[in-house]
Amino acid sequence: MTRSWIVLIFILATGAVWLCGQGVPGPAAAGSVTVAETPIDWDSLNMQGGSTALPGMSDNLIPISSRYRKWMGERGFVVRANASQNYFQNVLEAPVALSNQNYVGQRGTWRWMFNGMFASDLKFLGLRHAQFFMGGGINRVSWEPNGPDALMVSSMYVYKAFADRRVEIKAGYVNNDWEFVGLAVGGTTTAGHLGVYAVLPYEVGMTHFPLTAPGFNLRTQITKGFYAKVGVQRSLDAGGGHATISRNQIGLRFDPVGDKVLQLYEGGYRTAPASNFKMSWVRGGLLYNTTQYKNYRTGGTTGGNYSAYLLADRQLTQAEYGGPADGLYAGVSVMADPSSMNIYSRYVELRVYEKGPFRKRPRDMVSLVSTYTGFSPDYTATLAAAGKTFWRATGTVSTNYVLSIRDGLYSTMGATFNSAPAPTPRVAHAWVANVQLTYYF
């Protein structure tokens, strides 16, 4: 049995013993005195410290008013989960055989994911502004390149804030997809990520669901708006998600041979929307990886892979109805990776989105996103030398509507026009329709 399994079993066993020791309260005995309840701080039980936010605890299929949730909240912990089902289909051409599929949607393509989460506010240890957070993920796909299929620990870390939350740390197995860059449209997991090719940070080994790795992050709030964030993370496998899974199936292997250190640096300015005050978020950063990557230019391997990025989002209007976050937003992204070590080397995105587009739909969101992605000239040179057909770049235009059906249940419907849906071979343009259901319970 590996050390990773021993650590996991120890944590689960300790948690089970502690929970059993609390006992589920039964009905009050006749004549007993009822003690006034202490209000539950549900915000402290939601995921803390990320640049991407989970919906509030009240936005759940299982309400916080239920006996199940209240019993947990009174003891300073919560068990929560989210799941989603995606389906993609090109509507311009007939589906191809699975053996001939080259991109998501060239035939009906689905993905199903589940992420179970446990969070404790650690107040039973006498800590304030702290949290233990653990997630376990399942990822299933109908087309392997859209994967990988996985059953893994997706995160397991301790969070602690100091100095009135001006300094925050996370240590453990961290999902940095939710910590750096800010890839989610609107800043929350309910709306999905940016454009279809906004994957450049993943190319250089940054963790993302369901692939995790040990790391340490430090965030400092310099002034009311300005912040700086740094992190160190063991890189994911340079061969990508499938290579990561094959060598680290459960996700807790600490130091697979060859996976070196990824350094993460980000600085930015971020303000929350308030009455008569619009949201702004500008961030830029650099990811630098010491792991050896395949070099398409030399044919060997090279260290020093990196991803540089600059993103900005600005709230343009505030709706007359709803909360201060409702209104029209605009954003832009620019990313660059070295062409010698990555298939996607340049990315530019423009986006417009509106939260609460209708008076009676304050939790809906509609978005329009346009992107340009440059494929690596060093990579395409290897395709030319092999006599293969290829595209040198692609442009996309996508629109999506996120519909809040009820607390904890969202449906996303949209379509993406893609001028070059795969770098190789040189297949025709595609218009891919997509449908997604997302649950929080």
Protein backbone atom coordinates (compact mmCIF):
# COMPACT_ATOMS: atom_id res chain seq x y z
CA MET A 1 0.00 0.00 0.00
CA THR A 2 1.43 3.36 -1.01
CA ARG A 3 1.96 6.23 1.37
CA SER A 4 -0.73 8.20 -0.52
CA TRP A 5 -3.36 5.56 0.25
CA ILE A 6 -2.29 5.49 3.90
CA VAL A 7 -2.66 9.28 4.18
CA LEU A 8 -6.08 9.21 2.51
CA ILE A 9 -7.43 6.38 4.67
CA PHE A 10 -6.10 8.08 7.83
CA ILE A 11 -7.88 11.34 6.98
CA LEU A 12 -11.17 9.64 6.13
CA ALA A 13 -11.03 7.44 9.22
CA THR A 14 -10.27 10.39 11.48
CA GLY A 15 -13.13 12.37 9.98
CA ALA A 16 -15.54 9.45 10.39
CA VAL A 17 -14.59 8.95 14.05
CA TRP A 18 -15.05 12.66 14.75
CA LEU A 19 -18.44 12.78 12.99
CA CYS A 20 -19.74 9.70 14.79
CA GLY A 21 -18.69 11.24 18.08
CA GLN A 22 -20.91 14.27 17.46
CA GLY A 23 -24.18 12.32 17.26
CA VAL A 24 -27.30 13.32 15.38
CA PRO A 25 -29.64 15.20 17.72
CA GLY A 26 -32.95 13.50 18.48
CA PRO A 27 -36.23 15.14 19.49
CA ALA A 28 -36.17 17.27 22.63
CA ALA A 29 -37.31 15.54 25.79
CA ALA A 30 -40.48 16.73 27.47
CA GLY A 31 -39.84 19.63 29.82
CA SER A 32 -36.36 20.30 28.43
CA VAL A 33 -35.15 23.83 27.92
CA THR A 34 -34.35 24.83 24.31
CA VAL A 35 -31.13 26.81 23.97
CA ALA A 36 -31.13 29.62 21.40
CA GLU A 37 -29.39 28.55 18.22
CA THR A 38 -26.17 30.24 17.14
CA PRO A 39 -26.45 31.48 13.54
CA ILE A 40 -24.50 29.33 11.10
CA ASP A 41 -21.84 31.12 9.09
CA TRP A 42 -22.50 29.42 5.75
CA ASP A 43 -20.04 31.65 3.89
CA SER A 44 -17.17 30.22 5.95
CA LEU A 45 -18.12 26.72 4.77
CA ASN A 46 -18.05 27.57 1.07
CA MET A 47 -14.73 27.24 -0.77
CA GLN A 48 -12.39 29.96 0.50
CA GLY A 49 -9.71 32.04 -1.20
CA GLY A 50 -10.19 31.11 -4.86
CA SER A 51 -10.27 33.51 -7.79
CA THR A 52 -13.20 31.46 -9.13
CA ALA A 53 -16.17 31.06 -6.78
CA LEU A 54 -18.64 28.28 -6.16
CA PRO A 55 -22.28 29.37 -5.82
CA GLY A 56 -23.34 30.36 -2.33
CA MET A 57 -24.46 27.61 0.03
CA SER A 58 -28.09 28.73 -0.34
CA ASP A 59 -27.85 28.02 -4.09
CA ASN A 60 -28.21 24.27 -3.59
CA LEU A 61 -30.69 21.52 -4.40
CA ILE A 62 -30.49 20.46 -0.74
CA PRO A 63 -31.45 23.68 1.12
CA ILE A 64 -29.50 25.01 4.08
CA SER A 65 -32.78 25.01 6.02
CA SER A 66 -32.95 21.20 5.83
CA ARG A 67 -32.24 19.19 8.98
CA TYR A 68 -29.39 17.44 7.14
CA ARG A 69 -27.63 20.69 6.27
CA LYS A 70 -28.30 22.44 9.59
CA TRP A 71 -26.92 19.49 11.53
CA MET A 72 -23.66 19.73 9.61
CA GLY A 73 -23.47 23.52 9.72
CA GLU A 74 -23.91 23.58 13.49
CA ARG A 75 -20.83 21.34 13.74
CA GLY A 76 -18.72 23.47 11.42
CA PHE A 77 -18.54 21.27 8.36
CA VAL A 78 -20.43 20.60 5.16
CA VAL A 79 -20.60 17.87 2.55
CA ARG A 80 -21.44 19.19 -0.90
CA ALA A 81 -21.20 18.05 -4.51
CA ASN A 82 -21.55 19.37 -8.00
CA ALA A 83 -22.05 17.47 -11.23
CA SER A 84 -22.47 18.38 -14.88
CA GLN A 85 -23.43 16.70 -18.14
CA ASN A 86 -22.29 18.18 -21.48
CA TYR A 87 -23.26 17.29 -25.01
CA PHE A 88 -21.69 18.71 -28.21
CA GLN A 89 -22.73 18.19 -31.85
CA ASN A 90 -21.61 19.81 -35.12
CA VAL A 91 -24.78 20.81 -37.00
CA LEU A 92 -23.12 21.58 -40.36
CA GLU A 93 -22.18 18.01 -41.33
CA ALA A 94 -23.25 14.45 -40.64
CA PRO A 95 -21.49 12.72 -37.72
CA VAL A 96 -18.33 10.77 -38.52
CA ALA A 97 -17.34 7.37 -37.15
CA LEU A 98 -15.67 7.37 -33.75
CA SER A 99 -12.39 6.20 -35.34
CA ASN A 100 -12.42 9.31 -37.57
CA GLN A 101 -13.27 11.88 -34.90
CA ASN A 102 -10.82 14.80 -34.68
CA TYR A 103 -12.57 17.37 -32.47
CA VAL A 104 -15.27 17.69 -29.84
CA GLY A 105 -18.65 17.58 -31.57
CA GLN A 106 -17.56 16.10 -34.90
CA ARG A 107 -19.87 13.33 -33.76
CA GLY A 108 -22.14 13.51 -30.71
CA THR A 109 -19.67 13.99 -27.84
CA TRP A 110 -20.58 13.90 -24.17
CA ARG A 111 -18.78 14.49 -20.90
CA TRP A 112 -19.98 13.76 -17.37
CA MET A 113 -18.21 14.97 -14.23
CA PHE A 114 -18.89 14.70 -10.51
CA ASN A 115 -17.00 16.47 -7.74
CA GLY A 116 -17.80 15.58 -4.13
CA MET A 117 -16.54 18.13 -1.60
CA PHE A 118 -15.99 18.22 2.16
CA ALA A 119 -15.21 21.46 4.01
CA SER A 120 -14.60 22.18 7.69
CA ASP A 121 -14.13 25.65 9.18
CA LEU A 122 -11.67 24.16 11.75
CA LYS A 123 -13.22 26.13 14.60
CA PHE A 124 -13.12 22.96 16.70
CA LEU A 125 -9.34 23.47 16.67
CA GLY A 126 -9.72 27.07 17.84
CA LEU A 127 -8.85 28.51 14.41
CA ARG A 128 -10.52 31.50 12.75
CA HIS A 129 -10.63 32.27 9.03
CA ALA A 130 -9.44 28.73 8.27
CA GLN A 131 -10.69 25.75 6.32
CA PHE A 132 -9.89 22.17 5.47
CA PHE A 133 -11.18 21.37 1.98
CA MET A 134 -11.20 18.05 0.15
CA GLY A 135 -12.71 17.01 -3.17
CA GLY A 136 -13.01 13.74 -5.04
CA GLY A 137 -13.66 13.81 -8.77
CA ILE A 138 -15.06 11.50 -11.44
CA ASN A 139 -14.60 12.41 -15.10
CA ARG A 140 -16.12 10.35 -17.93
CA VAL A 141 -16.01 11.12 -21.65
CA SER A 142 -17.26 9.53 -24.86
CA TRP A 143 -14.11 10.54 -26.79
CA GLU A 144 -10.78 9.91 -25.07
CA PRO A 145 -8.92 13.06 -26.29
CA ASN A 146 -11.61 15.07 -24.49
CA GLY A 147 -10.69 13.29 -21.24
CA PRO A 148 -9.09 11.66 -19.56
CA ASP A 149 -11.48 9.29 -17.81
CA ALA A 150 -10.55 9.54 -14.16
CA LEU A 151 -11.52 8.72 -10.57
CA MET A 152 -9.24 10.85 -8.42
CA VAL A 153 -8.79 13.02 -5.37
CA SER A 154 -9.25 16.43 -7.02
CA SER A 155 -8.12 18.59 -4.07
CA MET A 156 -7.08 18.30 -0.42
CA TYR A 157 -5.65 21.33 1.32
CA VAL A 158 -5.70 23.64 4.33
CA TYR A 159 -6.59 27.32 3.92
CA LYS A 160 -5.75 30.03 6.48
CA ALA A 161 -6.16 33.81 6.41
CA PHE A 162 -4.25 36.27 8.57
CA ALA A 163 -4.28 40.00 9.31
CA ASP A 164 -7.99 40.53 8.64
CA ARG A 165 -7.76 38.40 5.46
CA ARG A 166 -5.03 40.56 3.92
CA VAL A 167 -2.77 37.49 3.78
CA GLU A 168 -4.05 34.06 2.70
CA ILE A 169 -2.29 30.73 2.27
CA LYS A 170 -3.26 27.34 0.85
CA ALA A 171 -1.16 24.23 1.30
CA GLY A 172 -1.83 20.72 0.05
CA TYR A 173 -3.24 19.32 -3.16
CA VAL A 174 -4.67 22.45 -4.80
CA ASN A 175 -6.72 22.93 -7.97
CA ASN A 176 -4.93 26.00 -9.36
CA ASP A 177 -7.45 26.30 -12.18
CA TRP A 178 -9.64 28.00 -9.54
CA GLU A 179 -6.75 30.01 -8.05
CA PHE A 180 -4.90 31.72 -10.93
CA VAL A 181 -5.70 33.35 -14.30
CA GLY A 182 -9.49 33.50 -13.80
CA LEU A 183 -10.70 31.38 -16.70
CA ALA A 184 -14.40 31.25 -15.77
CA VAL A 185 -16.74 33.68 -17.53
CA GLY A 186 -18.23 35.89 -14.82
CA GLY A 187 -15.91 34.48 -12.16
CA THR A 188 -18.14 31.57 -11.09
CA THR A 189 -18.28 27.86 -11.91
CA THR A 190 -21.93 28.04 -13.00
CA ALA A 191 -21.12 29.79 -16.30
CA GLY A 192 -18.33 27.59 -17.64
CA HIS A 193 -14.88 28.57 -18.85
CA LEU A 194 -13.69 30.99 -21.50
CA GLY A 195 -13.26 30.10 -25.18
CA VAL A 196 -12.75 26.57 -26.46
CA TYR A 197 -8.98 27.10 -26.90
CA ALA A 198 -8.25 28.95 -23.63
CA VAL A 199 -6.04 26.05 -22.57
CA LEU A 200 -2.59 27.62 -22.71
CA PRO A 201 -2.05 27.59 -18.89
CA TYR A 202 -2.89 23.87 -18.88
CA GLU A 203 -0.24 23.15 -21.51
CA VAL A 204 2.50 24.15 -19.06
CA GLY A 205 1.34 21.87 -16.23
CA MET A 206 -1.12 23.89 -14.13
CA THR A 207 -3.53 21.70 -12.14
CA HIS A 208 -7.18 21.58 -13.20
CA PHE A 209 -10.12 19.31 -12.46
CA PRO A 210 -9.76 16.40 -11.94
CA LEU A 211 -5.93 16.52 -12.04
CA THR A 212 -4.30 17.75 -8.85
CA ALA A 213 -0.79 18.04 -7.41
CA PRO A 214 0.84 19.22 -4.17
CA GLY A 215 1.50 22.93 -3.91
CA PHE A 216 1.57 26.07 -1.80
CA ASN A 217 -0.08 29.42 -2.61
CA LEU A 218 0.33 32.80 -0.92
CA ARG A 219 -1.95 35.76 -1.64
CA THR A 220 -1.40 39.27 -0.27
CA GLN A 221 -3.91 42.12 -0.46
CA ILE A 222 -1.57 45.07 -0.94
CA THR A 223 -4.26 47.78 -0.93
CA LYS A 224 -8.04 47.70 -1.12
CA GLY A 225 -7.89 46.74 -4.80
CA PHE A 226 -4.34 45.60 -5.60
CA TYR A 227 -3.18 42.08 -4.81
CA ALA A 228 -0.22 39.79 -5.48
CA LYS A 229 -0.28 36.02 -5.56
CA VAL A 230 2.52 33.45 -5.86
CA GLY A 231 2.49 29.69 -5.86
CA VAL A 232 4.69 26.64 -6.23
CA GLN A 233 3.17 23.43 -7.53
CA ARG A 234 4.50 20.07 -8.60
CA SER A 235 3.94 20.03 -12.34
CA LEU A 236 1.48 17.73 -14.03
CA ASP A 237 3.05 15.30 -16.50
CA ALA A 238 4.51 17.02 -19.57
CA GLY A 239 2.73 14.43 -21.71
CA GLY A 240 -0.69 15.77 -20.71
CA GLY A 241 -3.71 14.43 -18.85
CA HIS A 242 -3.55 10.82 -19.99
CA ALA A 243 0.13 10.55 -19.06
CA THR A 244 -0.65 12.10 -15.66
CA ILE A 245 -3.40 9.54 -14.98
CA SER A 246 -1.32 6.57 -16.10
CA ARG A 247 1.42 7.38 -13.56
CA ASN A 248 -0.73 8.81 -10.76
CA GLN A 249 -4.15 7.17 -10.90
CA ILE A 250 -5.58 8.30 -7.55
CA GLY A 251 -3.93 11.75 -7.73
CA LEU A 252 -2.04 11.71 -4.42
CA ARG A 253 1.36 10.53 -5.60
CA PHE A 254 3.65 13.26 -4.28
CA ASP A 255 6.63 13.24 -6.65
CA PRO A 256 6.40 11.17 -9.86
CA VAL A 257 9.78 10.87 -11.56
CA GLY A 258 10.35 13.67 -14.06
CA ASP A 259 7.59 16.02 -12.85
CA LYS A 260 9.41 19.11 -11.61
CA VAL A 261 8.27 22.45 -10.16
CA LEU A 262 5.79 24.89 -11.66
CA GLN A 263 6.10 28.44 -10.37
CA LEU A 264 3.01 30.70 -10.52
CA TYR A 265 3.08 34.50 -10.29
CA GLU A 266 0.11 36.84 -10.59
CA GLY A 267 -0.62 40.46 -9.80
CA GLY A 268 -3.82 42.34 -10.29
CA TYR A 269 -6.47 44.81 -9.30
CA ARG A 270 -9.92 43.57 -8.30
CA THR A 271 -12.91 45.33 -6.79
CA ALA A 272 -16.30 43.83 -5.96
CA PRO A 273 -19.50 45.41 -7.27
CA ALA A 274 -21.45 47.52 -4.81
CA SER A 275 -24.24 50.04 -4.96
CA ASN A 276 -23.18 52.68 -7.52
CA PHE A 277 -19.74 51.03 -7.80
CA LYS A 278 -18.90 48.77 -10.73
CA MET A 279 -16.69 45.69 -10.68
CA SER A 280 -13.18 45.76 -12.18
CA TRP A 281 -10.68 42.92 -12.44
CA VAL A 282 -7.33 43.20 -14.20
CA ARG A 283 -4.74 40.44 -13.74
CA GLY A 284 -1.52 39.39 -15.34
CA GLY A 285 0.96 36.68 -14.60
CA LEU A 286 3.54 34.11 -15.55
CA LEU A 287 3.67 30.35 -15.10
CA TYR A 288 7.19 28.88 -15.35
CA ASN A 289 7.91 25.15 -15.44
CA THR A 290 11.28 23.44 -14.95
CA THR A 291 9.98 20.06 -16.23
CA GLN A 292 11.46 18.70 -19.47
CA TYR A 293 9.02 19.09 -22.39
CA LYS A 294 9.17 17.76 -25.92
CA ASN A 295 10.79 20.36 -28.19
CA TYR A 296 9.13 20.44 -31.63
CA ARG A 297 11.98 22.54 -33.02
CA THR A 298 14.92 20.34 -32.01
CA GLY A 299 13.25 16.96 -31.59
CA GLY A 300 14.70 16.61 -28.06
CA THR A 301 13.42 17.83 -24.68
CA THR A 302 13.77 21.24 -23.05
CA GLY A 303 13.03 22.76 -19.66
CA GLY A 304 11.71 26.26 -19.07
CA ASN A 305 8.21 26.01 -20.52
CA TYR A 306 6.05 29.00 -19.60
CA SER A 307 2.71 30.74 -20.09
CA ALA A 308 2.29 34.51 -19.90
CA TYR A 309 -1.16 36.05 -19.61
CA LEU A 310 -3.05 39.32 -19.24
CA LEU A 311 -6.81 39.45 -18.68
CA ALA A 312 -9.26 42.22 -17.83
CA ASP A 313 -12.98 42.33 -17.02
CA ARG A 314 -15.04 45.46 -16.38
CA GLN A 315 -18.65 45.95 -15.41
CA LEU A 316 -20.14 48.49 -17.82
CA THR A 317 -23.64 48.91 -16.41
CA GLN A 318 -25.64 48.02 -13.33
CA ALA A 319 -29.20 46.81 -13.76
CA GLU A 320 -31.98 48.83 -12.18
CA TYR A 321 -33.27 45.58 -10.69
CA GLY A 322 -31.43 42.81 -8.82
CA GLY A 323 -28.14 43.15 -6.98
CA PRO A 324 -25.05 45.27 -7.71
CA ALA A 325 -23.41 42.40 -9.64
CA ASP A 326 -26.21 42.39 -12.23
CA GLY A 327 -25.41 44.21 -15.44
CA LEU A 328 -23.36 44.22 -18.61
CA TYR A 329 -19.65 43.27 -18.61
CA ALA A 330 -16.84 43.25 -21.17
CA GLY A 331 -13.48 41.47 -21.06
CA VAL A 332 -10.32 40.70 -22.97
CA SER A 333 -7.63 38.00 -22.67
CA VAL A 334 -4.16 37.69 -24.18
CA MET A 335 -1.99 34.58 -23.59
CA ALA A 336 1.28 33.32 -25.02
CA ASP A 337 3.23 30.04 -24.72
CA PRO A 338 6.55 29.20 -26.44
CA SER A 339 5.89 27.61 -29.83
CA SER A 340 8.80 25.21 -29.47
CA MET A 341 7.08 23.25 -26.64
CA ASN A 342 3.33 23.76 -27.08
CA ILE A 343 0.73 23.10 -29.77
CA TYR A 344 -1.25 26.27 -28.94
CA SER A 345 1.10 29.24 -28.75
CA ARG A 346 -1.06 32.41 -29.00
CA TYR A 347 -4.54 33.21 -27.73
CA VAL A 348 -6.65 36.38 -27.88
CA GLU A 349 -10.22 36.68 -26.65
CA LEU A 350 -12.93 39.35 -26.54
CA ARG A 351 -16.06 38.74 -24.49
CA VAL A 352 -19.28 40.48 -23.56
CA TYR A 353 -21.64 39.00 -20.96
CA GLU A 354 -24.60 40.10 -18.92
CA LYS A 355 -25.61 38.88 -15.48
CA GLY A 356 -29.31 39.07 -14.76
CA PRO A 357 -30.34 39.90 -18.32
CA PHE A 358 -34.06 40.03 -17.42
CA ARG A 359 -35.85 41.42 -14.41
CA LYS A 360 -37.39 38.05 -13.57
CA ARG A 361 -34.16 36.11 -14.31
CA PRO A 362 -31.56 37.65 -11.92
CA ARG A 363 -29.39 34.50 -11.80
CA ASP A 364 -29.26 33.89 -15.56
CA MET A 365 -26.32 34.97 -17.70
CA VAL A 366 -25.85 35.43 -21.45
CA SER A 367 -22.42 35.68 -23.12
CA LEU A 368 -20.84 36.32 -26.52
CA VAL A 369 -17.17 35.30 -26.88
CA SER A 370 -14.85 35.70 -29.87
CA THR A 371 -11.36 34.15 -29.96
CA TYR A 372 -8.26 33.80 -32.10
CA THR A 373 -5.79 30.95 -31.48
CA GLY A 374 -2.43 30.55 -33.21
CA PHE A 375 -1.13 27.02 -33.59
CA SER A 376 2.59 26.60 -32.99
CA PRO A 377 4.64 27.07 -36.21
CA ASP A 378 7.20 24.60 -34.86
CA TYR A 379 4.47 22.01 -34.36
CA THR A 380 2.89 22.60 -37.77
CA ALA A 381 6.36 22.30 -39.35
CA THR A 382 6.56 18.74 -38.04
CA LEU A 383 3.14 18.05 -39.59
CA ALA A 384 4.27 19.44 -42.94
CA ALA A 385 7.42 17.31 -42.84
CA ALA A 386 5.23 14.24 -42.24
CA GLY A 387 3.01 15.11 -45.19
CA LYS A 388 -0.05 15.86 -43.06
CA THR A 389 -2.63 18.58 -43.62
CA PHE A 390 -3.12 21.24 -40.97
CA TRP A 391 -4.42 24.68 -40.06
CA ARG A 392 -2.10 27.43 -38.79
CA ALA A 393 -4.72 29.26 -36.69
CA THR A 394 -8.39 29.25 -35.83
CA GLY A 395 -11.08 31.76 -34.93
CA THR A 396 -14.25 31.07 -32.97
CA VAL A 397 -17.43 32.92 -32.10
CA SER A 398 -19.64 31.42 -29.39
CA THR A 399 -22.78 32.40 -27.58
CA ASN A 400 -24.24 30.80 -24.46
CA TYR A 401 -27.23 31.32 -22.22
CA VAL A 402 -27.02 30.07 -18.64
CA LEU A 403 -30.50 29.43 -17.27
CA SER A 404 -31.04 29.14 -13.51
CA ILE A 405 -33.86 26.57 -13.32
CA ARG A 406 -34.03 26.56 -9.52
CA ASP A 407 -31.62 26.70 -6.57
CA GLY A 408 -28.66 24.47 -7.43
CA LEU A 409 -29.73 23.60 -10.98
CA TYR A 410 -28.47 25.35 -14.13
CA SER A 411 -28.82 24.67 -17.83
CA THR A 412 -26.45 26.12 -20.45
CA MET A 413 -27.40 26.22 -24.11
CA GLY A 414 -25.26 27.64 -26.88
CA ALA A 415 -23.33 27.25 -30.09
CA THR A 416 -19.78 27.87 -31.33
CA PHE A 417 -18.64 28.58 -34.88
CA ASN A 418 -15.08 27.29 -35.32
CA SER A 419 -13.12 28.09 -38.48
CA ALA A 420 -10.53 25.36 -37.85
CA PRO A 421 -11.84 22.92 -35.24
CA ALA A 422 -8.63 20.81 -35.14
CA PRO A 423 -5.01 21.73 -35.86
CA THR A 424 -4.70 18.55 -37.93
CA PRO A 425 -6.08 17.24 -40.22
CA ARG A 426 -7.46 20.20 -42.16
CA VAL A 427 -11.17 19.50 -41.66
CA ALA A 428 -14.01 21.84 -42.62
CA HIS A 429 -15.43 24.64 -40.50
CA ALA A 430 -17.84 23.57 -37.76
CA TRP A 431 -20.84 24.98 -35.93
CA VAL A 432 -21.02 23.04 -32.68
CA ALA A 433 -24.19 23.22 -30.60
CA ASN A 434 -23.83 22.47 -26.90
CA VAL A 435 -26.14 21.70 -23.99
CA GLN A 436 -25.07 21.40 -20.36
CA LEU A 437 -26.84 20.63 -17.09
CA THR A 438 -25.06 21.58 -13.85
CA TYR A 439 -26.19 20.51 -10.37
CA TYR A 440 -25.13 21.65 -6.89
CA PHE A 441 -26.44 19.58 -3.98
